[in-house]
C-alpha cells in the first residue's frame, strides 16, 4: 500500500452529511436537482426564521448561541444543503444585514440615490 492509496473505495463525504457532488462522465459535477434545491432553500428559510426570532444576526460569530437556540434547524440545513452552500447562506445573511444598516444610515443622513 502506497502513500496515496486508500483502503476505502467510496468517495469522501462532506461535513454537512451530504455526499460530495457526483462527477458526470465528462468530469464536471452534476448540479443539485430543482427539487433538492427547493428542499435546501426551505431548510435555510426555517433556520433564518429561528435566527431572526432569537435576535441572532451572525450565526458564525455567535455559534454557541445559534447552536443552543436553533440547533435543530441548523442540523436540518446541514442535512439538506451542500456544505459550501451553508457557509455561503450564513455569510450572505450577515452581508445583507450590513448592507441594509448602511443604507438606512445613509438615508437618515440625507443621502439620495444617484
C-alpha atoms as a PDB file:
ATOM      1  CA  UNK A   1       0.000   0.000   0.000  1.00  0.00           C
ATOM      2  CA  UNK A   2       1.476   3.369  -1.035  1.00  0.00           C
ATOM      3  CA  UNK A   3       1.180   6.803   0.469  1.00  0.00           C
ATOM      4  CA  UNK A   4      -1.540   7.887  -1.923  1.00  0.00           C
ATOM      5  CA  UNK A   5      -3.581   4.701  -1.818  1.00  0.00           C
ATOM      6  CA  UNK A   6      -6.696   4.365   0.280  1.00  0.00           C
ATOM      7  CA  UNK A   7      -8.312   1.360   1.877  1.00  0.00           C
ATOM      8  CA  UNK A   8     -11.755   2.786   1.176  1.00  0.00           C
ATOM      9  CA  UNK A   9     -13.218   2.739  -2.328  1.00  0.00           C
ATOM     10  CA  UNK A  10     -16.122   5.072  -1.541  1.00  0.00           C
ATOM     11  CA  UNK A  11     -15.841   8.834  -2.144  1.00  0.00           C
ATOM     12  CA  UNK A  12     -15.424  11.044   0.928  1.00  0.00           C
ATOM     13  CA  UNK A  13     -18.475  12.772   2.367  1.00  0.00           C
ATOM     14  CA  UNK A  14     -18.664  16.464   3.153  1.00  0.00           C
ATOM     15  CA  UNK A  15     -19.007  17.659   6.747  1.00  0.00           C
ATOM     16  CA  UNK A  16     -22.640  18.527   6.142  1.00  0.00           C
ATOM     17  CA  UNK A  17     -23.784  14.923   5.880  1.00  0.00           C
ATOM     18  CA  UNK A  18     -24.420  15.148   2.141  1.00  0.00           C
ATOM     19  CA  UNK A  19     -22.140  13.191  -0.151  1.00  0.00           C
ATOM     20  CA  UNK A  20     -19.748  15.150  -2.302  1.00  0.00           C
ATOM     21  CA  UNK A  21     -21.184  16.184  -5.672  1.00  0.00           C
ATOM     22  CA  UNK A  22     -21.213  13.396  -8.232  1.00  0.00           C
ATOM     23  CA  UNK A  23     -18.997  13.919 -11.274  1.00  0.00           C
ATOM     24  CA  UNK A  24     -20.569  13.412 -14.687  1.00  0.00           C
ATOM     25  CA  UNK A  25     -18.876  11.324 -17.410  1.00  0.00           C
ATOM     26  CA  UNK A  26     -17.112  14.447 -18.740  1.00  0.00           C
ATOM     27  CA  UNK A  27     -15.694  15.292 -15.291  1.00  0.00           C
ATOM     28  CA  UNK A  28     -17.971  18.229 -14.452  1.00  0.00           C
ATOM     29  CA  UNK A  29     -20.058  17.977 -11.303  1.00  0.00           C
ATOM     30  CA  UNK A  30     -23.784  17.342 -11.514  1.00  0.00           C
ATOM     31  CA  UNK A  31     -25.784  20.237 -10.087  1.00  0.00           C
ATOM     32  CA  UNK A  32     -28.443  19.584  -7.440  1.00  0.00           C
ATOM     33  CA  UNK A  33     -31.911  18.974  -8.874  1.00  0.00           C
ATOM     34  CA  UNK A  34     -34.645  21.579  -8.687  1.00  0.00           C
ATOM     35  CA  UNK A  35     -36.392  19.528  -6.016  1.00  0.00           C
ATOM     36  CA  UNK A  36     -33.286  19.189  -3.813  1.00  0.00           C
ATOM     37  CA  UNK A  37     -32.591  22.935  -4.148  1.00  0.00           C
ATOM     38  CA  UNK A  38     -36.173  23.695  -3.067  1.00  0.00           C
ATOM     39  CA  UNK A  39     -35.755  21.454  -0.004  1.00  0.00           C
ATOM     40  CA  UNK A  40     -32.450  23.175   0.801  1.00  0.00           C
ATOM     41  CA  UNK A  41     -33.964  26.666   0.451  1.00  0.00           C
ATOM     42  CA  UNK A  42     -36.883  25.704   2.711  1.00  0.00           C
ATOM     43  CA  UNK A  43     -34.427  24.471   5.370  1.00  0.00           C
ATOM     44  CA  UNK A  44     -32.456  27.730   5.004  1.00  0.00           C
ATOM     45  CA  UNK A  45     -35.609  29.783   5.465  1.00  0.00           C
ATOM     46  CA  UNK A  46     -36.575  27.873   8.633  1.00  0.00           C
ATOM     47  CA  UNK A  47     -33.056  28.363  10.038  1.00  0.00           C
ATOM     48  CA  UNK A  48     -33.125  32.099   9.259  1.00  0.00           C
ATOM     49  CA  UNK A  49     -36.591  32.428  10.846  1.00  0.00           C
ATOM     50  CA  UNK A  50     -35.225  30.880  14.030  1.00  0.00           C
ATOM     51  CA  UNK A  51     -32.201  33.196  13.997  1.00  0.00           C
ATOM     52  CA  UNK A  52     -34.467  36.208  13.479  1.00  0.00           C
ATOM     53  CA  UNK A  53     -36.796  35.129  16.277  1.00  0.00           C
ATOM     54  CA  UNK A  54     -33.809  34.825  18.630  1.00  0.00           C
ATOM     55  CA  UNK A  55     -32.093  38.067  17.592  1.00  0.00           C
ATOM     56  CA  UNK A  56     -29.055  36.372  16.066  1.00  0.00           C
ATOM     57  CA  UNK A  57     -27.518  38.111  13.049  1.00  0.00           C
ATOM     58  CA  UNK A  58     -24.221  36.249  12.593  1.00  0.00           C
ATOM     59  CA  UNK A  59     -24.576  32.537  13.300  1.00  0.00           C
ATOM     60  CA  UNK A  60     -20.853  32.054  12.637  1.00  0.00           C
ATOM     61  CA  UNK A  61     -19.619  34.542  15.255  1.00  0.00           C
ATOM     62  CA  UNK A  62     -22.440  33.679  17.664  1.00  0.00           C
ATOM     63  CA  UNK A  63     -22.039  29.939  17.119  1.00  0.00           C
ATOM     64  CA  UNK A  64     -22.813  28.819  20.688  1.00  0.00           C
ATOM     65  CA  UNK A  65     -25.966  30.929  20.943  1.00  0.00           C
ATOM     66  CA  UNK A  66     -27.029  29.801  17.481  1.00  0.00           C
ATOM     67  CA  UNK A  67     -26.497  26.117  18.256  1.00  0.00           C
ATOM     68  CA  UNK A  68     -28.298  26.412  21.583  1.00  0.00           C
ATOM     69  CA  UNK A  69     -31.388  28.129  20.202  1.00  0.00           C
ATOM     70  CA  UNK A  70     -31.500  26.977  16.570  1.00  0.00           C
ATOM     71  CA  UNK A  71     -29.515  23.735  16.603  1.00  0.00           C
ATOM     72  CA  UNK A  72     -32.340  21.632  15.230  1.00  0.00           C
ATOM     73  CA  UNK A  73     -32.928  23.993  12.297  1.00  0.00           C
ATOM     74  CA  UNK A  74     -29.197  24.257  11.580  1.00  0.00           C
ATOM     75  CA  UNK A  75     -28.910  20.466  11.637  1.00  0.00           C
ATOM     76  CA  UNK A  76     -31.672  20.261   9.055  1.00  0.00           C
ATOM     77  CA  UNK A  77     -29.924  22.904   6.939  1.00  0.00           C
ATOM     78  CA  UNK A  78     -26.676  20.914   7.066  1.00  0.00           C
ATOM     79  CA  UNK A  79     -28.513  17.695   6.110  1.00  0.00           C
ATOM     80  CA  UNK A  80     -30.402  19.226   3.195  1.00  0.00           C
ATOM     81  CA  UNK A  81     -27.732  21.503   1.679  1.00  0.00           C
ATOM     82  CA  UNK A  82     -24.198  21.121   0.410  1.00  0.00           C
ATOM     83  CA  UNK A  83     -21.674  22.372   2.995  1.00  0.00           C
ATOM     84  CA  UNK A  84     -20.407  25.215   0.807  1.00  0.00           C
ATOM     85  CA  UNK A  85     -23.996  26.453   0.422  1.00  0.00           C
ATOM     86  CA  UNK A  86     -24.487  26.508   4.201  1.00  0.00           C
ATOM     87  CA  UNK A  87     -21.412  28.694   4.640  1.00  0.00           C
ATOM     88  CA  UNK A  88     -22.486  30.940   1.760  1.00  0.00           C
ATOM     89  CA  UNK A  89     -26.004  31.379   3.167  1.00  0.00           C
ATOM     90  CA  UNK A  90     -24.658  32.333   6.593  1.00  0.00           C
ATOM     91  CA  UNK A  91     -22.155  34.834   5.190  1.00  0.00           C
ATOM     92  CA  UNK A  92     -24.697  36.335   2.799  1.00  0.00           C
ATOM     93  CA  UNK A  93     -27.180  36.852   5.641  1.00  0.00           C
ATOM     94  CA  UNK A  94     -24.616  38.974   7.504  1.00  0.00           C
ATOM     95  CA  UNK A  95     -23.679  40.884   4.346  1.00  0.00           C
ATOM     96  CA  UNK A  96     -27.330  41.655   3.567  1.00  0.00           C
ATOM     97  CA  UNK A  97     -27.889  42.836   7.153  1.00  0.00           C
ATOM     98  CA  UNK A  98     -24.855  45.143   6.980  1.00  0.00           C
ATOM     99  CA  UNK A  99     -25.954  46.477   3.599  1.00  0.00           C
ATOM    100  CA  UNK A 100     -29.436  47.256   4.949  1.00  0.00           C
ATOM    101  CA  UNK A 101     -27.967  49.002   8.010  1.00  0.00           C
ATOM    102  CA  UNK A 102     -25.653  51.111   5.821  1.00  0.00           C
ATOM    103  CA  UNK A 103     -28.488  52.163   3.509  1.00  0.00           C
ATOM    104  CA  UNK A 104     -30.686  53.127   6.477  1.00  0.00           C
ATOM    105  CA  UNK A 105     -27.830  55.151   7.998  1.00  0.00           C
ATOM    106  CA  UNK A 106     -27.173  56.987   4.733  1.00  0.00           C
ATOM    107  CA  UNK A 107     -30.871  57.756   4.263  1.00  0.00           C
ATOM    108  CA  UNK A 108     -31.030  59.240   7.790  1.00  0.00           C
ATOM    109  CA  UNK A 109     -28.058  61.441   6.877  1.00  0.00           C
ATOM    110  CA  UNK A 110     -29.924  62.733   3.832  1.00  0.00           C
ATOM    111  CA  UNK A 111     -28.199  60.760   1.108  1.00  0.00           C
ATOM    112  CA  UNK A 112     -30.116  60.283  -2.098  1.00  0.00           C
ATOM    113  CA  UNK A 113     -29.951  57.717  -4.873  1.00  0.00           C
ATOM    114  CA  UNK A 114     -27.984  58.843  -7.924  1.00  0.00           C
END
